[in-house]
Amino acid sequence: MSQVVPSTDLTIDHYVPLVEFLGTFLGEKCEVVLHDVSSHERSVVAIANGHISGRKKGAPLTDLALQFYKNREHENKDWVMGYTTRSAEGYSLNSATYFIRSGAGEMMGMLCLNLDLSALLTARDSLDSVLKTLGSSFAQPKGKPALTENFPLSIEDLTENMICQVIQETEVSPERMTPAEKQEVVTTLNTRGAFLLKGTVRVVAEKLVSSEATVYRYLQKSNRK
């Protein structure tokens, strides 16, 4: 008889077999990913059906997972589900994240599911077209999802994507930004956990056309809030 391992002794490695189990059971349309949050740059320790996002073992945390970690989401809930992401080919994915805690209650990993809905959405659109032709209405979900996520293949992709996304949200080019607007960019990035990654200050300084010393000053001000 195999010995039952006490929950307080569990490590991320104990969850690795679960990835293959879920990936096999749920099928090739569902990606299953196990993250070790102790390594943001190489957090994926196991993955099943990785063709959906194009990731492999050793890929970094996603931008959303990094935000979950930064904001300590695991303290208020066991999981987050029902948010929409995109596959490597641009298909819609229905995603969920389960937080794995240590015996002390700290987050030590995340188990993520990304279900490819492309076939279902294609069928829905076809049905919608038929119903409209018949003079009926077919209600589709309204509003944008509250959460979005990108699947980087490297830590450089993750850092670059997060910074560029925040800068684009300001709708002002870095060359035209005021110090207050640049401060806001740094604060937003800090909130999303970007500065937990190595080398972020250097890249932010380049993108904001500022010195690293200036970015550090913005970051210190953000941390004091």
C-alpha atoms as a PDB file:
ATOM      1  CA  MET A   1       0.000   0.000   0.000  1.00  0.00           C
ATOM      2  CA  SER A   2       1.394   3.416  -0.952  1.00  0.00           C
ATOM      3  CA  GLN A   3       1.974   5.911   1.812  1.00  0.00           C
ATOM      4  CA  VAL A   4      -0.290   8.961   1.895  1.00  0.00           C
ATOM      5  CA  VAL A   5       1.771  12.153   1.891  1.00  0.00           C
ATOM      6  CA  PRO A   6       0.577  14.720   4.483  1.00  0.00           C
ATOM      7  CA  SER A   7      -0.733  17.892   2.845  1.00  0.00           C
ATOM      8  CA  THR A   8       1.831  19.976   4.720  1.00  0.00           C
ATOM      9  CA  ASP A   9       4.611  18.057   2.955  1.00  0.00           C
ATOM     10  CA  LEU A  10       3.233  18.486  -0.558  1.00  0.00           C
ATOM     11  CA  THR A  11       5.412  20.186  -3.143  1.00  0.00           C
ATOM     12  CA  ILE A  12       4.658  21.301  -6.682  1.00  0.00           C
ATOM     13  CA  ASP A  13       6.203  18.072  -7.991  1.00  0.00           C
ATOM     14  CA  HIS A  14       3.405  16.089  -6.355  1.00  0.00           C
ATOM     15  CA  TYR A  15       0.911  17.783  -8.703  1.00  0.00           C
ATOM     16  CA  VAL A  16       2.786  16.919 -11.917  1.00  0.00           C
ATOM     17  CA  PRO A  17       0.952  13.567 -12.504  1.00  0.00           C
ATOM     18  CA  LEU A  18      -2.349  15.447 -12.211  1.00  0.00           C
ATOM     19  CA  VAL A  19      -1.471  17.478 -15.309  1.00  0.00           C
ATOM     20  CA  GLU A  20      -1.202  14.440 -17.573  1.00  0.00           C
ATOM     21  CA  PHE A  21      -4.291  12.891 -15.948  1.00  0.00           C
ATOM     22  CA  LEU A  22      -6.475  15.962 -16.578  1.00  0.00           C
ATOM     23  CA  GLY A  23      -5.016  16.544 -20.044  1.00  0.00           C
ATOM     24  CA  THR A  24      -5.823  12.981 -21.072  1.00  0.00           C
ATOM     25  CA  PHE A  25      -9.294  12.978 -19.541  1.00  0.00           C
ATOM     26  CA  LEU A  26     -10.354  16.433 -20.802  1.00  0.00           C
ATOM     27  CA  GLY A  27      -8.917  15.854 -24.271  1.00  0.00           C
ATOM     28  CA  GLU A  28      -6.737  17.729 -26.750  1.00  0.00           C
ATOM     29  CA  LYS A  29      -8.998  20.786 -26.716  1.00  0.00           C
ATOM     30  CA  CYS A  30      -8.076  21.568 -23.101  1.00  0.00           C
ATOM     31  CA  GLU A  31      -4.614  22.758 -22.094  1.00  0.00           C
ATOM     32  CA  VAL A  32      -3.545  21.950 -18.533  1.00  0.00           C
ATOM     33  CA  VAL A  33      -0.649  23.941 -17.055  1.00  0.00           C
ATOM     34  CA  LEU A  34       1.117  23.669 -13.704  1.00  0.00           C
ATOM     35  CA  HIS A  35       3.005  26.781 -12.564  1.00  0.00           C
ATOM     36  CA  ASP A  36       5.624  27.010  -9.815  1.00  0.00           C
ATOM     37  CA  VAL A  37       5.426  30.636  -8.639  1.00  0.00           C
ATOM     38  CA  SER A  38       8.840  30.499  -6.987  1.00  0.00           C
ATOM     39  CA  SER A  39      10.320  30.923 -10.491  1.00  0.00           C
ATOM     40  CA  HIS A  40       8.523  33.637 -12.456  1.00  0.00           C
ATOM     41  CA  GLU A  41      10.900  33.326 -15.401  1.00  0.00           C
ATOM     42  CA  ARG A  42      10.575  29.511 -15.785  1.00  0.00           C
ATOM     43  CA  SER A  43       7.377  28.752 -13.930  1.00  0.00           C
ATOM     44  CA  VAL A  44       5.783  26.063 -16.129  1.00  0.00           C
ATOM     45  CA  VAL A  45       6.852  22.745 -14.588  1.00  0.00           C
ATOM     46  CA  ALA A  46       4.351  20.564 -16.474  1.00  0.00           C
ATOM     47  CA  ILE A  47       1.963  21.081 -19.382  1.00  0.00           C
ATOM     48  CA  ALA A  48      -0.487  18.920 -21.313  1.00  0.00           C
ATOM     49  CA  ASN A  49      -1.859  19.837 -24.747  1.00  0.00           C
ATOM     50  CA  GLY A  50       0.579  22.709 -25.001  1.00  0.00           C
ATOM     51  CA  HIS A  51      -0.206  23.094 -28.714  1.00  0.00           C
ATOM     52  CA  ILE A  52      -3.133  25.293 -27.656  1.00  0.00           C
ATOM     53  CA  SER A  53      -0.941  28.152 -26.406  1.00  0.00           C
ATOM     54  CA  GLY A  54       2.336  27.068 -28.000  1.00  0.00           C
ATOM     55  CA  ARG A  55       4.070  26.906 -24.613  1.00  0.00           C
ATOM     56  CA  LYS A  56       6.407  24.262 -23.270  1.00  0.00           C
ATOM     57  CA  LYS A  57       7.924  23.329 -19.925  1.00  0.00           C
ATOM     58  CA  GLY A  58      10.097  26.217 -18.733  1.00  0.00           C
ATOM     59  CA  ALA A  59       7.829  28.995 -20.072  1.00  0.00           C
ATOM     60  CA  PRO A  60       7.299  32.014 -17.771  1.00  0.00           C
ATOM     61  CA  LEU A  61       4.248  33.042 -15.797  1.00  0.00           C
ATOM     62  CA  THR A  62       1.546  34.764 -17.811  1.00  0.00           C
ATOM     63  CA  ASP A  63       0.722  38.407 -17.203  1.00  0.00           C
ATOM     64  CA  LEU A  64      -2.534  37.468 -15.455  1.00  0.00           C
ATOM     65  CA  ALA A  65      -0.906  34.794 -13.279  1.00  0.00           C
ATOM     66  CA  LEU A  66       1.717  37.319 -12.263  1.00  0.00           C
ATOM     67  CA  GLN A  67      -1.072  39.716 -11.297  1.00  0.00           C
ATOM     68  CA  PHE A  68      -2.774  36.993  -9.230  1.00  0.00           C
ATOM     69  CA  TYR A  69       0.508  36.420  -7.398  1.00  0.00           C
ATOM     70  CA  LYS A  70       1.231  40.117  -6.866  1.00  0.00           C
ATOM     71  CA  ASN A  71      -2.276  40.817  -5.531  1.00  0.00           C
ATOM     72  CA  ARG A  72      -2.311  37.661  -3.344  1.00  0.00           C
ATOM     73  CA  GLU A  73      -5.599  36.459  -4.823  1.00  0.00           C
ATOM     74  CA  HIS A  74      -5.198  33.115  -3.033  1.00  0.00           C
ATOM     75  CA  GLU A  75      -5.931  34.787   0.301  1.00  0.00           C
ATOM     76  CA  ASN A  76      -9.558  35.483  -0.661  1.00  0.00           C
ATOM     77  CA  LYS A  77     -10.470  32.610  -2.978  1.00  0.00           C
ATOM     78  CA  ASP A  78      -9.465  29.109  -4.004  1.00  0.00           C
ATOM     79  CA  TRP A  79      -9.795  29.653  -7.733  1.00  0.00           C
ATOM     80  CA  VAL A  80     -10.723  32.075 -10.512  1.00  0.00           C
ATOM     81  CA  MET A  81     -12.707  30.805 -13.481  1.00  0.00           C
ATOM     82  CA  GLY A  82     -14.758  31.876 -16.468  1.00  0.00           C
ATOM     83  CA  TYR A  83     -12.347  34.411 -17.949  1.00  0.00           C
ATOM     84  CA  THR A  84     -11.453  34.508 -21.644  1.00  0.00           C
ATOM     85  CA  THR A  85      -7.990  34.117 -23.150  1.00  0.00           C
ATOM     86  CA  ARG A  86      -6.610  33.501 -26.660  1.00  0.00           C
ATOM     87  CA  SER A  87      -4.871  30.494 -28.168  1.00  0.00           C
ATOM     88  CA  ALA A  88      -1.688  30.692 -30.226  1.00  0.00           C
ATOM     89  CA  GLU A  89      -3.916  30.834 -33.339  1.00  0.00           C
ATOM     90  CA  GLY A  90      -6.176  33.518 -31.877  1.00  0.00           C
ATOM     91  CA  TYR A  91      -9.087  31.267 -30.873  1.00  0.00           C
ATOM     92  CA  SER A  92     -11.141  32.055 -27.785  1.00  0.00           C
ATOM     93  CA  LEU A  93     -10.342  29.989 -24.702  1.00  0.00           C
ATOM     94  CA  ASN A  94     -12.413  29.584 -21.563  1.00  0.00           C
ATOM     95  CA  SER A  95      -9.907  29.583 -18.703  1.00  0.00           C
ATOM     96  CA  ALA A  96      -9.685  28.836 -15.006  1.00  0.00           C
ATOM     97  CA  THR A  97      -6.925  28.953 -12.384  1.00  0.00           C
ATOM     98  CA  TYR A  98      -6.733  26.959  -9.151  1.00  0.00           C
ATOM     99  CA  PHE A  99      -4.385  28.282  -6.463  1.00  0.00           C
ATOM    100  CA  ILE A 100      -2.085  25.739  -4.817  1.00  0.00           C
ATOM    101  CA  ARG A 101      -1.114  26.670  -1.267  1.00  0.00           C
ATOM    102  CA  SER A 102       1.679  25.483   0.993  1.00  0.00           C
ATOM    103  CA  GLY A 103       1.009  24.163   4.475  1.00  0.00           C
ATOM    104  CA  ALA A 104       1.581  27.708   5.744  1.00  0.00           C
ATOM    105  CA  GLY A 105      -1.108  29.050   3.409  1.00  0.00           C
ATOM    106  CA  GLU A 106       1.240  30.768   0.950  1.00  0.00           C
ATOM    107  CA  MET A 107       0.727  30.394  -2.787  1.00  0.00           C
ATOM    108  CA  MET A 108       3.272  27.969  -4.183  1.00  0.00           C
ATOM    109  CA  GLY A 109       1.701  27.201  -7.532  1.00  0.00           C
ATOM    110  CA  MET A 110      -1.243  27.478  -9.897  1.00  0.00           C
ATOM    111  CA  LEU A 111      -3.060  24.827 -11.905  1.00  0.00           C
ATOM    112  CA  CYS A 112      -4.567  26.387 -15.025  1.00  0.00           C
ATOM    113  CA  LEU A 113      -7.080  25.056 -17.555  1.00  0.00           C
ATOM    114  CA  ASN A 114      -7.541  26.638 -20.993  1.00  0.00           C
ATOM    115  CA  LEU A 115     -10.413  25.154 -23.007  1.00  0.00           C
ATOM    116  CA  ASP A 116     -10.519  25.767 -26.779  1.00  0.00           C
ATOM    117  CA  LEU A 117     -14.053  26.976 -27.627  1.00  0.00           C
ATOM    118  CA  SER A 118     -13.454  27.624 -31.343  1.00  0.00           C
ATOM    119  CA  ALA A 119     -15.612  24.717 -32.581  1.00  0.00           C
ATOM    120  CA  LEU A 120     -18.484  25.641 -30.257  1.00  0.00           C
ATOM    121  CA  LEU A 121     -18.319  29.319 -31.201  1.00  0.00           C
ATOM    122  CA  THR A 122     -18.309  28.450 -34.897  1.00  0.00           C
ATOM    123  CA  ALA A 123     -21.389  26.304 -34.364  1.00  0.00           C
ATOM    124  CA  ARG A 124     -23.050  29.098 -32.391  1.00  0.00           C
ATOM    125  CA  ASP A 125     -22.371  31.630 -35.134  1.00  0.00           C
ATOM    126  CA  SER A 126     -23.808  29.264 -37.747  1.00  0.00           C
ATOM    127  CA  LEU A 127     -26.923  28.715 -35.655  1.00  0.00           C
ATOM    128  CA  ASP A 128     -27.234  32.451 -35.042  1.00  0.00           C
ATOM    129  CA  SER A 129     -27.134  33.068 -38.792  1.00  0.00           C
ATOM    130  CA  VAL A 130     -29.865  30.492 -39.402  1.00  0.00           C
ATOM    131  CA  LEU A 131     -32.092  31.894 -36.647  1.00  0.00           C
ATOM    132  CA  LYS A 132     -31.752  35.434 -37.991  1.00  0.00           C
ATOM    133  CA  THR A 133     -32.732  34.189 -41.427  1.00  0.00           C
ATOM    134  CA  LEU A 134     -35.850  32.663 -39.844  1.00  0.00           C
ATOM    135  CA  GLY A 135     -36.641  35.971 -38.181  1.00  0.00           C
ATOM    136  CA  SER A 136     -35.640  34.935 -34.669  1.00  0.00           C
ATOM    137  CA  SER A 137     -33.115  36.507 -32.338  1.00  0.00           C
ATOM    138  CA  PHE A 138     -30.293  34.631 -30.709  1.00  0.00           C
ATOM    139  CA  ALA A 139     -28.790  36.437 -27.754  1.00  0.00           C
ATOM    140  CA  GLN A 140     -25.007  36.335 -27.491  1.00  0.00           C
ATOM    141  CA  PRO A 141     -23.051  37.194 -24.356  1.00  0.00           C
ATOM    142  CA  LYS A 142     -22.661  40.933 -23.943  1.00  0.00           C
ATOM    143  CA  GLY A 143     -19.861  42.913 -22.432  1.00  0.00           C
ATOM    144  CA  LYS A 144     -16.152  42.291 -22.283  1.00  0.00           C
ATOM    145  CA  PRO A 145     -14.595  39.731 -19.970  1.00  0.00           C
ATOM    146  CA  ALA A 146     -13.258  41.159 -16.745  1.00  0.00           C
ATOM    147  CA  LEU A 147      -9.937  39.374 -17.137  1.00  0.00           C
ATOM    148  CA  THR A 148      -7.612  38.826 -20.071  1.00  0.00           C
ATOM    149  CA  GLU A 149      -4.426  36.823 -20.351  1.00  0.00           C
ATOM    150  CA  ASN A 150      -1.534  36.460 -22.783  1.00  0.00           C
ATOM    151  CA  PHE A 151       0.648  33.368 -23.121  1.00  0.00           C
ATOM    152  CA  PRO A 152       4.313  34.387 -23.486  1.00  0.00           C
ATOM    153  CA  LEU A 153       6.875  31.902 -24.764  1.00  0.00           C
ATOM    154  CA  SER A 154       9.766  33.608 -22.971  1.00  0.00           C
ATOM    155  CA  ILE A 155      10.390  36.017 -20.113  1.00  0.00           C
ATOM    156  CA  GLU A 156      11.375  38.669 -22.667  1.00  0.00           C
ATOM    157  CA  ASP A 157       7.986  38.286 -24.371  1.00  0.00           C
ATOM    158  CA  LEU A 158       6.181  38.583 -21.041  1.00  0.00           C
ATOM    159  CA  THR A 159       8.023  41.733 -19.971  1.00  0.00           C
ATOM    160  CA  GLU A 160       7.700  43.376 -23.380  1.00  0.00           C
ATOM    161  CA  ASN A 161       3.990  42.546 -23.721  1.00  0.00           C
ATOM    162  CA  MET A 162       3.070  43.826 -20.269  1.00  0.00           C
ATOM    163  CA  ILE A 163       4.901  47.119 -20.747  1.00  0.00           C
ATOM    164  CA  CYS A 164       3.605  47.734 -24.256  1.00  0.00           C
ATOM    165  CA  GLN A 165       0.034  46.940 -23.196  1.00  0.00           C
ATOM    166  CA  VAL A 166       0.081  49.451 -20.353  1.00  0.00           C
ATOM    167  CA  ILE A 167       1.653  52.141 -22.539  1.00  0.00           C
ATOM    168  CA  GLN A 168      -1.000  51.555 -25.228  1.00  0.00           C
ATOM    169  CA  GLU A 169      -3.756  51.926 -22.628  1.00  0.00           C
ATOM    170  CA  THR A 170      -2.570  55.482 -21.939  1.00  0.00           C
ATOM    171  CA  GLU A 171      -3.117  56.422 -25.623  1.00  0.00           C
ATOM    172  CA  VAL A 172      -0.156  58.805 -25.329  1.00  0.00           C
ATOM    173  CA  SER A 173       3.241  58.126 -26.867  1.00  0.00           C
ATOM    174  CA  PRO A 174       6.104  57.981 -24.331  1.00  0.00           C
ATOM    175  CA  GLU A 175       7.767  60.969 -26.005  1.00  0.00           C
ATOM    176  CA  ARG A 176       4.705  63.097 -25.209  1.00  0.00           C
ATOM    177  CA  MET A 177       4.029  61.786 -21.698  1.00  0.00           C
ATOM    178  CA  THR A 178       4.285  64.082 -18.723  1.00  0.00           C
ATOM    179  CA  PRO A 179       6.159  62.886 -15.609  1.00  0.00           C
ATOM    180  CA  ALA A 180       2.774  62.269 -13.969  1.00  0.00           C
ATOM    181  CA  GLU A 181       1.682  60.040 -16.867  1.00  0.00           C
ATOM    182  CA  LYS A 182       4.940  58.097 -16.720  1.00  0.00           C
ATOM    183  CA  GLN A 183       4.454  57.704 -12.988  1.00  0.00           C
ATOM    184  CA  GLU A 184       0.994  56.271 -13.671  1.00  0.00           C
ATOM    185  CA  VAL A 185       2.451  53.756 -16.152  1.00  0.00           C
ATOM    186  CA  VAL A 186       4.987  52.581 -13.561  1.00  0.00           C
ATOM    187  CA  THR A 187       2.284  52.368 -10.878  1.00  0.00           C
ATOM    188  CA  THR A 188       0.053  50.268 -13.134  1.00  0.00           C
ATOM    189  CA  LEU A 189       2.916  47.952 -14.018  1.00  0.00           C
ATOM    190  CA  ASN A 190       3.795  47.634 -10.345  1.00  0.00           C
ATOM    191  CA  THR A 191       0.195  46.731  -9.508  1.00  0.00           C
ATOM    192  CA  ARG A 192       0.257  44.014 -12.173  1.00  0.00           C
ATOM    193  CA  GLY A 193       3.473  42.536 -10.806  1.00  0.00           C
ATOM    194  CA  ALA A 194       5.761  43.513 -13.696  1.00  0.00           C
ATOM    195  CA  PHE A 195       8.609  44.536 -11.385  1.00  0.00           C
ATOM    196  CA  LEU A 196       8.750  41.035  -9.909  1.00  0.00           C
ATOM    197  CA  LEU A 197      10.513  40.091 -13.140  1.00  0.00           C
ATOM    198  CA  LYS A 198      14.224  40.530 -13.663  1.00  0.00           C
ATOM    199  CA  GLY A 199      15.298  43.375 -15.917  1.00  0.00           C
ATOM    200  CA  THR A 200      11.924  45.145 -15.952  1.00  0.00           C
ATOM    201  CA  VAL A 201      13.320  48.514 -14.832  1.00  0.00           C
ATOM    202  CA  ARG A 202      15.747  48.595 -17.748  1.00  0.00           C
ATOM    203  CA  VAL A 203      13.050  47.767 -20.324  1.00  0.00           C
ATOM    204  CA  VAL A 204      10.575  50.243 -18.818  1.00  0.00           C
ATOM    205  CA  ALA A 205      13.215  52.968 -18.928  1.00  0.00           C
ATOM    206  CA  GLU A 206      13.808  52.261 -22.625  1.00  0.00           C
ATOM    207  CA  LYS A 207      10.103  52.241 -23.473  1.00  0.00           C
ATOM    208  CA  LEU A 208       9.356  55.416 -21.499  1.00  0.00           C
ATOM    209  CA  VAL A 209      12.430  57.195 -22.868  1.00  0.00           C
ATOM    210  CA  SER A 210      13.602  57.758 -19.293  1.00  0.00           C
ATOM    211  CA  SER A 211      16.631  56.855 -17.210  1.00  0.00           C
ATOM    212  CA  GLU A 212      16.654  53.806 -14.954  1.00  0.00           C
ATOM    213  CA  ALA A 213      17.161  56.131 -11.974  1.00  0.00           C
ATOM    214  CA  THR A 214      13.936  57.952 -12.879  1.00  0.00           C
ATOM    215  CA  VAL A 215      12.010  54.696 -13.165  1.00  0.00           C
ATOM    216  CA  TYR A 216      13.347  53.578  -9.767  1.00  0.00           C
ATOM    217  CA  ARG A 217      12.129  56.887  -8.326  1.00  0.00           C
ATOM    218  CA  TYR A 218       8.664  56.332  -9.828  1.00  0.00           C
ATOM    219  CA  LEU A 219       8.660  52.790  -8.432  1.00  0.00           C
ATOM    220  CA  GLN A 220       9.609  53.923  -4.935  1.00  0.00           C
ATOM    221  CA  LYS A 221       6.811  56.483  -5.010  1.00  0.00           C
ATOM    222  CA  SER A 222       4.377  53.797  -6.145  1.00  0.00           C
ATOM    223  CA  ASN A 223       5.395  51.470  -3.317  1.00  0.00           C
ATOM    224  CA  ARG A 224       4.778  54.215  -0.756  1.00  0.00           C
ATOM    225  CA  LYS A 225       1.142  54.589  -1.784  1.00  0.00           C
END
